[in-house]
Amino acid sequence: MDSLSANEAKTQFGDMLLKAQRAPVQINKNGKPVAVVISMDEYESIEALKLRLLQSRATQAKADIEAGHTIDGESFFNDLESGQHD
C-alpha cells in the first residue's frame, strides 16, 4: 500500500486520488497512520460484504432462536466483556 504524509496528500491531492483508484493509499500524520483513501468501488464492495455478513448473522440468529439455542442476556454480555465467544 502506498503511503503519504498528510502534507503530501494535501499537495498531491489529484495524484493521490488517481493512486486510490488502483490501490488503497495510507495517510500518515506525524509518522502515524491516520486514514486510508480507497476508491468508491472498493468502498461499495466493503459495504456490500458488511451487509452480507450482517444478513448471514441475522439468519443464523433466527435459526438459533427457532431451534431453542439461546442464552441468558446477562451471560451473553458477561462473556462479551470478558472476551469469550463461540
N, C-alpha and C. Protein backbone atom coordinates (compact mmCIF):
# COMPACT_ATOMS: atom_id res chain seq x y z
N MET A 1 0.86 -1.17 0.00
CA MET A 1 0.00 0.00 0.00
C MET A 1 0.90 1.23 0.00
N ASP A 2 0.62 2.15 -0.90
CA ASP A 2 1.34 3.42 -0.90
C ASP A 2 0.97 4.19 0.36
N SER A 3 1.89 5.00 0.82
CA SER A 3 1.56 5.87 1.95
C SER A 3 2.12 7.26 1.67
N LEU A 4 1.39 8.24 2.17
CA LEU A 4 1.76 9.64 2.02
C LEU A 4 1.63 10.33 3.37
N SER A 5 2.43 11.35 3.58
CA SER A 5 2.21 12.18 4.76
C SER A 5 0.96 13.02 4.50
N ALA A 6 0.39 13.55 5.56
CA ALA A 6 -0.79 14.41 5.40
C ALA A 6 -0.46 15.60 4.50
N ASN A 7 0.72 16.14 4.65
CA ASN A 7 1.12 17.28 3.82
C ASN A 7 1.24 16.87 2.35
N GLU A 8 1.84 15.69 2.09
CA GLU A 8 1.94 15.21 0.71
C GLU A 8 0.55 14.96 0.12
N ALA A 9 -0.34 14.39 0.93
CA ALA A 9 -1.71 14.14 0.46
C ALA A 9 -2.38 15.45 0.07
N LYS A 10 -2.12 16.49 0.84
CA LYS A 10 -2.71 17.80 0.56
C LYS A 10 -2.14 18.39 -0.73
N THR A 11 -0.83 18.35 -0.86
CA THR A 11 -0.21 18.99 -2.02
C THR A 11 -0.30 18.15 -3.28
N GLN A 12 -0.53 16.83 -3.13
CA GLN A 12 -0.62 15.93 -4.28
C GLN A 12 -2.01 15.28 -4.35
N PHE A 13 -3.03 16.06 -4.01
CA PHE A 13 -4.38 15.51 -3.89
C PHE A 13 -4.84 14.79 -5.15
N GLY A 14 -4.69 15.39 -6.29
CA GLY A 14 -5.13 14.78 -7.55
C GLY A 14 -4.41 13.47 -7.81
N ASP A 15 -3.10 13.45 -7.60
CA ASP A 15 -2.31 12.24 -7.78
C ASP A 15 -2.75 11.15 -6.79
N MET A 16 -3.03 11.57 -5.55
CA MET A 16 -3.49 10.61 -4.54
C MET A 16 -4.81 9.97 -4.98
N LEU A 17 -5.72 10.78 -5.52
CA LEU A 17 -7.00 10.23 -5.98
C LEU A 17 -6.80 9.22 -7.10
N LEU A 18 -5.88 9.50 -8.00
CA LEU A 18 -5.57 8.54 -9.08
C LEU A 18 -5.00 7.25 -8.51
N LYS A 19 -4.07 7.36 -7.55
CA LYS A 19 -3.48 6.18 -6.92
C LYS A 19 -4.54 5.36 -6.21
N ALA A 20 -5.48 6.04 -5.56
CA ALA A 20 -6.53 5.35 -4.79
C ALA A 20 -7.47 4.56 -5.70
N GLN A 21 -7.51 4.89 -6.98
CA GLN A 21 -8.34 4.12 -7.91
C GLN A 21 -7.72 2.74 -8.17
N ARG A 22 -6.41 2.62 -7.96
CA ARG A 22 -5.71 1.36 -8.20
C ARG A 22 -5.51 0.55 -6.92
N ALA A 23 -5.27 1.25 -5.81
CA ALA A 23 -5.00 0.58 -4.53
C ALA A 23 -5.19 1.58 -3.40
N PRO A 24 -5.49 1.08 -2.21
CA PRO A 24 -5.63 1.99 -1.06
C PRO A 24 -4.36 2.80 -0.83
N VAL A 25 -4.54 4.03 -0.33
CA VAL A 25 -3.42 4.91 -0.02
C VAL A 25 -3.52 5.29 1.46
N GLN A 26 -2.47 4.98 2.21
CA GLN A 26 -2.43 5.30 3.64
C GLN A 26 -1.94 6.73 3.82
N ILE A 27 -2.60 7.46 4.73
CA ILE A 27 -2.21 8.82 5.05
C ILE A 27 -1.65 8.82 6.47
N ASN A 28 -0.45 9.36 6.62
CA ASN A 28 0.21 9.43 7.92
C ASN A 28 0.30 10.87 8.39
N LYS A 29 0.14 11.06 9.69
CA LYS A 29 0.32 12.38 10.29
C LYS A 29 1.27 12.20 11.46
N ASN A 30 2.33 12.98 11.46
CA ASN A 30 3.38 12.84 12.47
C ASN A 30 3.91 11.42 12.52
N GLY A 31 4.02 10.79 11.35
CA GLY A 31 4.58 9.45 11.25
C GLY A 31 3.65 8.32 11.63
N LYS A 32 2.41 8.64 11.99
CA LYS A 32 1.45 7.60 12.41
C LYS A 32 0.30 7.52 11.41
N PRO A 33 -0.14 6.29 11.06
CA PRO A 33 -1.26 6.15 10.14
C PRO A 33 -2.55 6.72 10.75
N VAL A 34 -3.25 7.54 9.98
CA VAL A 34 -4.49 8.15 10.47
C VAL A 34 -5.68 7.92 9.55
N ALA A 35 -5.43 7.54 8.30
CA ALA A 35 -6.54 7.35 7.37
C ALA A 35 -6.07 6.51 6.19
N VAL A 36 -7.06 5.97 5.48
CA VAL A 36 -6.80 5.26 4.23
C VAL A 36 -7.80 5.77 3.21
N VAL A 37 -7.31 6.15 2.04
CA VAL A 37 -8.17 6.61 0.95
C VAL A 37 -8.34 5.43 -0.01
N ILE A 38 -9.61 5.11 -0.30
CA ILE A 38 -9.91 4.00 -1.21
C ILE A 38 -10.85 4.48 -2.30
N SER A 39 -10.91 3.70 -3.37
CA SER A 39 -11.82 4.05 -4.46
C SER A 39 -13.26 3.83 -4.03
N MET A 40 -14.18 4.47 -4.74
CA MET A 40 -15.60 4.28 -4.46
C MET A 40 -16.01 2.82 -4.68
N ASP A 41 -15.45 2.19 -5.72
CA ASP A 41 -15.77 0.78 -5.97
C ASP A 41 -15.35 -0.09 -4.79
N GLU A 42 -14.16 0.15 -4.26
CA GLU A 42 -13.68 -0.63 -3.12
C GLU A 42 -14.56 -0.39 -1.90
N TYR A 43 -14.92 0.86 -1.66
CA TYR A 43 -15.79 1.20 -0.54
C TYR A 43 -17.14 0.48 -0.67
N GLU A 44 -17.73 0.52 -1.85
CA GLU A 44 -19.02 -0.14 -2.06
C GLU A 44 -18.90 -1.65 -1.87
N SER A 45 -17.78 -2.24 -2.29
CA SER A 45 -17.56 -3.67 -2.08
C SER A 45 -17.48 -4.01 -0.60
N ILE A 46 -16.77 -3.18 0.16
CA ILE A 46 -16.66 -3.40 1.60
C ILE A 46 -18.03 -3.29 2.26
N GLU A 47 -18.79 -2.28 1.89
CA GLU A 47 -20.14 -2.11 2.46
C GLU A 47 -21.03 -3.29 2.11
N ALA A 48 -20.94 -3.79 0.89
CA ALA A 48 -21.75 -4.95 0.48
C ALA A 48 -21.36 -6.18 1.29
N LEU A 49 -20.07 -6.37 1.52
CA LEU A 49 -19.61 -7.50 2.35
C LEU A 49 -20.14 -7.39 3.77
N LYS A 50 -20.08 -6.18 4.33
CA LYS A 50 -20.59 -5.97 5.68
C LYS A 50 -22.09 -6.29 5.75
N LEU A 51 -22.83 -5.87 4.74
CA LEU A 51 -24.26 -6.15 4.71
C LEU A 51 -24.53 -7.65 4.62
N ARG A 52 -23.78 -8.35 3.75
CA ARG A 52 -23.97 -9.80 3.63
C ARG A 52 -23.63 -10.51 4.94
N LEU A 53 -22.58 -10.07 5.63
CA LEU A 53 -22.22 -10.66 6.91
C LEU A 53 -23.32 -10.43 7.93
N LEU A 54 -23.85 -9.22 7.99
CA LEU A 54 -24.93 -8.91 8.92
C LEU A 54 -26.17 -9.76 8.60
N GLN A 55 -26.51 -9.89 7.32
CA GLN A 55 -27.65 -10.71 6.93
C GLN A 55 -27.44 -12.16 7.32
N SER A 56 -26.23 -12.66 7.11
CA SER A 56 -25.90 -14.04 7.47
C SER A 56 -26.05 -14.26 8.98
N ARG A 57 -25.54 -13.31 9.75
CA ARG A 57 -25.65 -13.43 11.21
C ARG A 57 -27.10 -13.35 11.67
N ALA A 58 -27.89 -12.50 11.04
CA ALA A 58 -29.30 -12.40 11.40
C ALA A 58 -30.03 -13.69 11.06
N THR A 59 -29.72 -14.29 9.91
CA THR A 59 -30.33 -15.57 9.53
C THR A 59 -29.95 -16.66 10.52
N GLN A 60 -28.66 -16.70 10.91
CA GLN A 60 -28.21 -17.70 11.88
C GLN A 60 -28.87 -17.47 13.23
N ALA A 61 -29.01 -16.22 13.65
CA ALA A 61 -29.65 -15.91 14.93
C ALA A 61 -31.10 -16.38 14.92
N LYS A 62 -31.78 -16.13 13.81
CA LYS A 62 -33.18 -16.56 13.71
C LYS A 62 -33.27 -18.09 13.81
N ALA A 63 -32.37 -18.79 13.12
CA ALA A 63 -32.35 -20.25 13.18
C ALA A 63 -32.04 -20.74 14.59
N ASP A 64 -31.11 -20.08 15.27
CA ASP A 64 -30.78 -20.46 16.65
C ASP A 64 -31.97 -20.27 17.57
N ILE A 65 -32.67 -19.16 17.41
CA ILE A 65 -33.85 -18.89 18.24
C ILE A 65 -34.92 -19.94 17.99
N GLU A 66 -35.18 -20.23 16.71
CA GLU A 66 -36.20 -21.24 16.37
C GLU A 66 -35.82 -22.62 16.90
N ALA A 67 -34.53 -22.93 16.98
CA ALA A 67 -34.07 -24.23 17.48
C ALA A 67 -33.93 -24.23 19.00
N GLY A 68 -34.18 -23.09 19.63
CA GLY A 68 -34.08 -23.01 21.08
C GLY A 68 -32.66 -22.84 21.59
N HIS A 69 -31.74 -22.51 20.71
CA HIS A 69 -30.35 -22.29 21.12
C HIS A 69 -30.17 -20.83 21.54
N THR A 70 -30.60 -20.53 22.73
CA THR A 70 -30.48 -19.17 23.24
C THR A 70 -29.75 -19.21 24.58
N ILE A 71 -29.24 -18.04 24.98
CA ILE A 71 -28.61 -17.93 26.30
C ILE A 71 -29.17 -16.69 26.98
N ASP A 72 -28.98 -16.65 28.26
CA ASP A 72 -29.41 -15.51 29.07
C ASP A 72 -28.63 -14.26 28.63
N GLY A 73 -29.31 -13.14 28.53
CA GLY A 73 -28.68 -11.90 28.09
C GLY A 73 -27.53 -11.48 28.97
N GLU A 74 -27.67 -11.63 30.28
CA GLU A 74 -26.59 -11.25 31.20
C GLU A 74 -25.35 -12.11 30.96
N SER A 75 -25.54 -13.40 30.73
CA SER A 75 -24.42 -14.29 30.43
C SER A 75 -23.74 -13.88 29.13
N PHE A 76 -24.55 -13.54 28.13
CA PHE A 76 -24.01 -13.10 26.85
C PHE A 76 -23.11 -11.89 27.02
N PHE A 77 -23.60 -10.88 27.74
CA PHE A 77 -22.82 -9.66 27.90
C PHE A 77 -21.60 -9.88 28.79
N ASN A 78 -21.71 -10.75 29.79
CA ASN A 78 -20.54 -11.08 30.62
C ASN A 78 -19.46 -11.74 29.77
N ASP A 79 -19.86 -12.69 28.91
CA ASP A 79 -18.91 -13.34 28.01
C ASP A 79 -18.30 -12.33 27.04
N LEU A 80 -19.13 -11.45 26.53
CA LEU A 80 -18.66 -10.43 25.60
C LEU A 80 -17.61 -9.53 26.26
N GLU A 81 -17.90 -9.09 27.47
CA GLU A 81 -16.97 -8.21 28.18
C GLU A 81 -15.66 -8.92 28.52
N SER A 82 -15.73 -10.23 28.79
CA SER A 82 -14.52 -10.97 29.16
C SER A 82 -13.72 -11.43 27.94
N GLY A 83 -14.30 -11.23 26.74
CA GLY A 83 -13.60 -11.62 25.52
C GLY A 83 -13.85 -13.03 25.10
N GLN A 84 -14.74 -13.74 25.78
CA GLN A 84 -15.07 -15.11 25.40
C GLN A 84 -16.13 -15.08 24.32
N HIS A 85 -16.02 -16.02 23.39
CA HIS A 85 -17.05 -16.15 22.34
C HIS A 85 -16.94 -17.53 21.73
N ASP A 86 -18.01 -17.93 21.06
CA ASP A 86 -18.03 -19.25 20.42
C ASP A 86 -17.28 -19.23 19.13
